[in-house]
C-alpha atoms as a PDB file:
ATOM      1  CA  MET A   1     138.246  98.787  36.460  1.00  0.00           C
ATOM      2  CA  ASN A   2     136.585  98.063  39.639  1.00  0.00           C
ATOM      3  CA  SER A   3     135.115  94.871  39.503  1.00  0.00           C
ATOM      4  CA  ARG A   4     132.997  93.440  42.375  1.00  0.00           C
ATOM      5  CA  MET A   5     131.323  90.293  43.138  1.00  0.00           C
ATOM      6  CA  TRP A   6     127.539  90.298  43.202  1.00  0.00           C
ATOM      7  CA  THR A   7     124.933  88.028  44.775  1.00  0.00           C
ATOM      8  CA  MET A   8     121.829  88.563  43.802  1.00  0.00           C
ATOM      9  CA  GLY A   9     118.122  86.835  44.760  1.00  0.00           C
ATOM     10  CA  GLY A  10     115.382  86.085  42.206  1.00  0.00           C
ATOM     11  CA  ALA A  11     114.001  89.279  43.138  1.00  0.00           C
ATOM     12  CA  THR A  12     116.791  91.530  42.271  1.00  0.00           C
ATOM     13  CA  LEU A  13     117.457  89.611  38.823  1.00  0.00           C
ATOM     14  CA  LEU A  14     114.402  90.469  37.777  1.00  0.00           C
ATOM     15  CA  GLY A  15     114.347  93.872  38.581  1.00  0.00           C
ATOM     16  CA  LEU A  16     117.381  94.456  36.937  1.00  0.00           C
ATOM     17  CA  ALA A  17     116.583  92.554  33.753  1.00  0.00           C
ATOM     18  CA  LEU A  18     113.337  94.898  33.650  1.00  0.00           C
ATOM     19  CA  LEU A  19     115.432  98.071  33.906  1.00  0.00           C
ATOM     20  CA  GLY A  20     118.161  96.902  31.520  1.00  0.00           C
ATOM     21  CA  THR A  21     122.036  97.951  31.745  1.00  0.00           C
ATOM     22  CA  SER A  22     120.766 101.310  33.362  1.00  0.00           C
ATOM     23  CA  GLY A  23     119.722  99.477  36.357  1.00  0.00           C
ATOM     24  CA  VAL A  24     123.085  98.180  37.054  1.00  0.00           C
ATOM     25  CA  GLY A  25     124.516 101.416  36.971  1.00  0.00           C
ATOM     26  CA  GLN A  26     121.463 102.772  39.532  1.00  0.00           C
ATOM     27  CA  ALA A  27     122.510  99.537  41.513  1.00  0.00           C
ATOM     28  CA  GLN A  28     126.260 100.420  41.957  1.00  0.00           C
ATOM     29  CA  SER A  29     125.464 104.157  42.625  1.00  0.00           C
ATOM     30  CA  THR A  30     123.350 103.433  45.848  1.00  0.00           C
ATOM     31  CA  PHE A  31     125.543 100.755  46.743  1.00  0.00           C
ATOM     32  CA  ASN A  32     128.648 103.347  47.441  1.00  0.00           C
ATOM     33  CA  GLN A  33     126.349 105.780  49.164  1.00  0.00           C
ATOM     34  CA  MET A  34     126.525 105.967  53.245  1.00  0.00           C
ATOM     35  CA  THR A  35     123.400 104.428  54.818  1.00  0.00           C
ATOM     36  CA  PRO A  36     122.294 106.700  57.953  1.00  0.00           C
ATOM     37  CA  PRO A  37     122.906 105.260  61.530  1.00  0.00           C
ATOM     38  CA  ALA A  38     119.674 103.337  62.726  1.00  0.00           C
ATOM     39  CA  ALA A  39     117.172 105.672  64.094  1.00  0.00           C
ATOM     40  CA  SER A  40     116.520 103.010  66.890  1.00  0.00           C
ATOM     41  CA  GLN A  41     119.351 104.238  69.295  1.00  0.00           C
ATOM     42  CA  THR A  42     118.377 105.843  72.220  1.00  0.00           C
ATOM     43  CA  PRO A  43     119.900 108.951  74.005  1.00  0.00           C
ATOM     44  CA  ALA A  44     121.767 108.436  77.335  1.00  0.00           C
ATOM     45  CA  GLN A  45     118.982 110.627  78.758  1.00  0.00           C
ATOM     46  CA  GLU A  46     116.336 108.388  77.802  1.00  0.00           C
ATOM     47  CA  ARG A  47     118.318 105.154  78.635  1.00  0.00           C
ATOM     48  CA  GLY A  48     118.836 106.762  82.295  1.00  0.00           C
ATOM     49  CA  ASP A  49     114.939 107.353  82.189  1.00  0.00           C
ATOM     50  CA  ILE A  50     113.969 103.844  81.284  1.00  0.00           C
ATOM     51  CA  LYS A  51     116.869 102.353  83.922  1.00  0.00           C
ATOM     52  CA  SER A  52     115.188 104.567  87.011  1.00  0.00           C
ATOM     53  CA  ASP A  53     111.359 103.435  85.821  1.00  0.00           C
ATOM     54  CA  ARG A  54     112.539  99.976  86.097  1.00  0.00           C
ATOM     55  CA  LYS A  55     114.204 100.386  89.453  1.00  0.00           C
ATOM     56  CA  GLU A  56     111.189 102.201  90.781  1.00  0.00           C
ATOM     57  CA  LEU A  57     109.212  99.142  89.197  1.00  0.00           C
ATOM     58  CA  LYS A  58     111.083  96.647  91.146  1.00  0.00           C
ATOM     59  CA  ASP A  59     110.885  98.682  94.170  1.00  0.00           C
ATOM     60  CA  ASP A  60     106.990  98.832  93.853  1.00  0.00           C
ATOM     61  CA  ARG A  61     107.377  94.716  93.425  1.00  0.00           C
ATOM     62  CA  ARG A  62     109.313  94.456  96.360  1.00  0.00           C
ATOM     63  CA  GLU A  63     106.748  96.754  98.361  1.00  0.00           C
ATOM     64  CA  ILE A  64     104.026  94.539  96.827  1.00  0.00           C
ATOM     65  CA  ARG A  65     105.536  91.452  97.740  1.00  0.00           C
ATOM     66  CA  LYS A  66     106.205  92.373 101.478  1.00  0.00           C
ATOM     67  CA  ASP A  67     102.759  93.732 102.069  1.00  0.00           C
ATOM     68  CA  ARG A  68     101.492  90.558 100.642  1.00  0.00           C
ATOM     69  CA  LYS A  69     103.440  88.473 103.361  1.00  0.00           C
ATOM     70  CA  GLU A  70     101.918  90.808 106.071  1.00  0.00           C
ATOM     71  CA  PHE A  71      98.533  90.526 104.829  1.00  0.00           C
ATOM     72  CA  VAL A  72      98.816  86.600 105.083  1.00  0.00           C
ATOM     73  CA  GLU A  73     100.269  86.464 108.339  1.00  0.00           C
ATOM     74  CA  ASP A  74      97.285  88.766 109.734  1.00  0.00           C
ATOM     75  CA  ARG A  75      94.993  86.592 107.754  1.00  0.00           C
ATOM     76  CA  ARG A  76      96.845  83.636 110.071  1.00  0.00           C
ATOM     77  CA  LYS A  77      96.184  85.664 113.166  1.00  0.00           C
ATOM     78  CA  LEU A  78      92.560  86.465 112.423  1.00  0.00           C
ATOM     79  CA  GLY A  79      92.314  82.330 112.043  1.00  0.00           C
ATOM     80  CA  ALA A  80      93.877  81.866 115.312  1.00  0.00           C
ATOM     81  CA  ASP A  81      91.481  84.503 117.062  1.00  0.00           C
ATOM     82  CA  THR A  82      88.573  82.498 115.541  1.00  0.00           C
ATOM     83  CA  LYS A  83      89.593  79.601 116.850  1.00  0.00           C
ATOM     84  CA  GLU A  84      90.178  81.121 120.437  1.00  0.00           C
ATOM     85  CA  LEU A  85      86.441  82.772 120.200  1.00  0.00           C
ATOM     86  CA  GLN A  86      85.214  79.143 119.564  1.00  0.00           C
ATOM     87  CA  LYS A  87      86.978  77.766 122.244  1.00  0.00           C
ATOM     88  CA  ASP A  88      85.732  80.259 124.734  1.00  0.00           C
ATOM     89  CA  ARG A  89      82.272  79.695 123.348  1.00  0.00           C
ATOM     90  CA  LYS A  90      82.469  76.183 124.051  1.00  0.00           C
ATOM     91  CA  GLU A  91      83.607  76.869 127.394  1.00  0.00           C
ATOM     92  CA  LEU A  92      80.852  78.875 128.262  1.00  0.00           C
ATOM     93  CA  ARG A  93      78.411  76.394 127.047  1.00  0.00           C
ATOM     94  CA  ASP A  94      80.035  73.885 128.977  1.00  0.00           C
ATOM     95  CA  ASP A  95      79.972  76.108 132.398  1.00  0.00           C
ATOM     96  CA  ILE A  96      76.201  76.708 131.899  1.00  0.00           C
ATOM     97  CA  LYS A  97      75.295  72.727 131.249  1.00  0.00           C
ATOM     98  CA  SER A  98      77.354  72.112 134.701  1.00  0.00           C
ATOM     99  CA  GLY A  99      75.684  74.688 136.683  1.00  0.00           C
ATOM    100  CA  ALA A 100      78.896  77.117 137.062  1.00  0.00           C
ATOM    101  CA  SER A 101      78.338  80.167 139.057  1.00  0.00           C
ATOM    102  CA  LYS A 102      77.036  83.578 137.921  1.00  0.00           C
ATOM    103  CA  GLU A 103      80.218  85.264 138.579  1.00  0.00           C
ATOM    104  CA  GLU A 104      81.995  82.342 136.338  1.00  0.00           C
ATOM    105  CA  ILE A 105      79.635  82.712 133.235  1.00  0.00           C
ATOM    106  CA  ALA A 106      79.710  86.285 133.224  1.00  0.00           C
ATOM    107  CA  LYS A 107      83.521  86.348 132.966  1.00  0.00           C
ATOM    108  CA  ASP A 108      83.415  83.815 130.313  1.00  0.00           C
ATOM    109  CA  ARG A 109      80.848  86.211 128.346  1.00  0.00           C
ATOM    110  CA  GLN A 110      83.402  88.963 128.928  1.00  0.00           C
ATOM    111  CA  LYS A 111      86.178  86.774 127.548  1.00  0.00           C
ATOM    112  CA  ILE A 112      84.015  86.249 124.577  1.00  0.00           C
ATOM    113  CA  ARG A 113      83.159  89.958 123.715  1.00  0.00           C
ATOM    114  CA  GLN A 114      86.825  90.310 124.129  1.00  0.00           C
ATOM    115  CA  ASP A 115      87.582  87.948 121.457  1.00  0.00           C
ATOM    116  CA  GLN A 116      84.855  89.165 119.337  1.00  0.00           C
ATOM    117  CA  GLN A 117      86.462  92.823 119.439  1.00  0.00           C
ATOM    118  CA  LYS A 118      89.812  91.340 118.422  1.00  0.00           C
ATOM    119  CA  VAL A 119      88.274  89.514 115.379  1.00  0.00           C
ATOM    120  CA  HIS A 120      86.462  92.251 114.074  1.00  0.00           C
ATOM    121  CA  ALA A 121      89.623  94.762 114.292  1.00  0.00           C
ATOM    122  CA  ASP A 122      91.458  92.049 112.691  1.00  0.00           C
ATOM    123  CA  ARG A 123      88.930  91.465 109.928  1.00  0.00           C
ATOM    124  CA  GLU A 124      88.649  95.564 109.167  1.00  0.00           C
ATOM    125  CA  GLU A 125      92.964  95.684 108.865  1.00  0.00           C
ATOM    126  CA  LEU A 126      92.275  92.620 106.259  1.00  0.00           C
ATOM    127  CA  ARG A 127      89.976  94.411 104.324  1.00  0.00           C
ATOM    128  CA  LYS A 128      92.063  97.719 104.632  1.00  0.00           C
ATOM    129  CA  ASP A 129      95.159  95.664 103.615  1.00  0.00           C
ATOM    130  CA  ARG A 130      93.202  93.934 100.727  1.00  0.00           C
ATOM    131  CA  LYS A 131      91.919  97.306  99.492  1.00  0.00           C
ATOM    132  CA  ASP A 132      95.565  98.733 100.175  1.00  0.00           C
ATOM    133  CA  LEU A 133      97.095  95.589  97.916  1.00  0.00           C
ATOM    134  CA  ARG A 134      94.809  96.003  95.270  1.00  0.00           C
ATOM    135  CA  ALA A 135      95.461  99.988  94.555  1.00  0.00           C
ATOM    136  CA  ASP A 136      98.971  99.044  94.673  1.00  0.00           C
ATOM    137  CA  ARG A 137      98.935  96.458  91.958  1.00  0.00           C
ATOM    138  CA  LYS A 138      96.761  98.869  89.732  1.00  0.00           C
ATOM    139  CA  GLU A 139      99.296 101.774  90.375  1.00  0.00           C
ATOM    140  CA  ARG A 140     101.860  99.412  89.577  1.00  0.00           C
ATOM    141  CA  ARG A 141     100.302  98.188  86.520  1.00  0.00           C
ATOM    142  CA  GLN A 142      99.698 101.732  85.264  1.00  0.00           C
ATOM    143  CA  ASP A 143     103.608 102.761  85.810  1.00  0.00           C
ATOM    144  CA  ARG A 144     104.508  99.849  83.999  1.00  0.00           C
ATOM    145  CA  ARG A 145     102.580 100.602  81.358  1.00  0.00           C
ATOM    146  CA  ALA A 146     103.278 104.171  81.308  1.00  0.00           C
ATOM    147  CA  ALA A 147     107.071 103.119  81.252  1.00  0.00           C
ATOM    148  CA  HIS A 148     106.345 100.860  78.342  1.00  0.00           C
ATOM    149  CA  ASP A 149     104.979 103.449  76.375  1.00  0.00           C
ATOM    150  CA  LYS A 150     107.705 105.956  76.454  1.00  0.00           C
END
């Protein structure tokens, strides 16, 4: 006789008691059957797709970090240009108070105009960079969700 040692929980014992002696035979017959392999195993192609998606996401994150770093540098540059503009305005006020010549006042005003143009161009560039960063983050989020849904 082929005798096996069984360990059973309370629910199993209750089920066997309700089934009677025929339940033991059913339990043994299901025990000997082969169980199919787990359905959660992914084919090699899907694993490769997942790997390439992760690589793309990693590259996207790296690119966004680089763009953000450039954005921060541009903001610092704008701050420096703004301070230079303030300095030039103060110089103009001092020249006007001290009664400087018209040529010197005109030169100071020209300098202020140039600084204003630089500040304006920097602000435009920052707006564009901020917009691009927002779009890149949104695209990365969508890519991540698409990769997760696969």
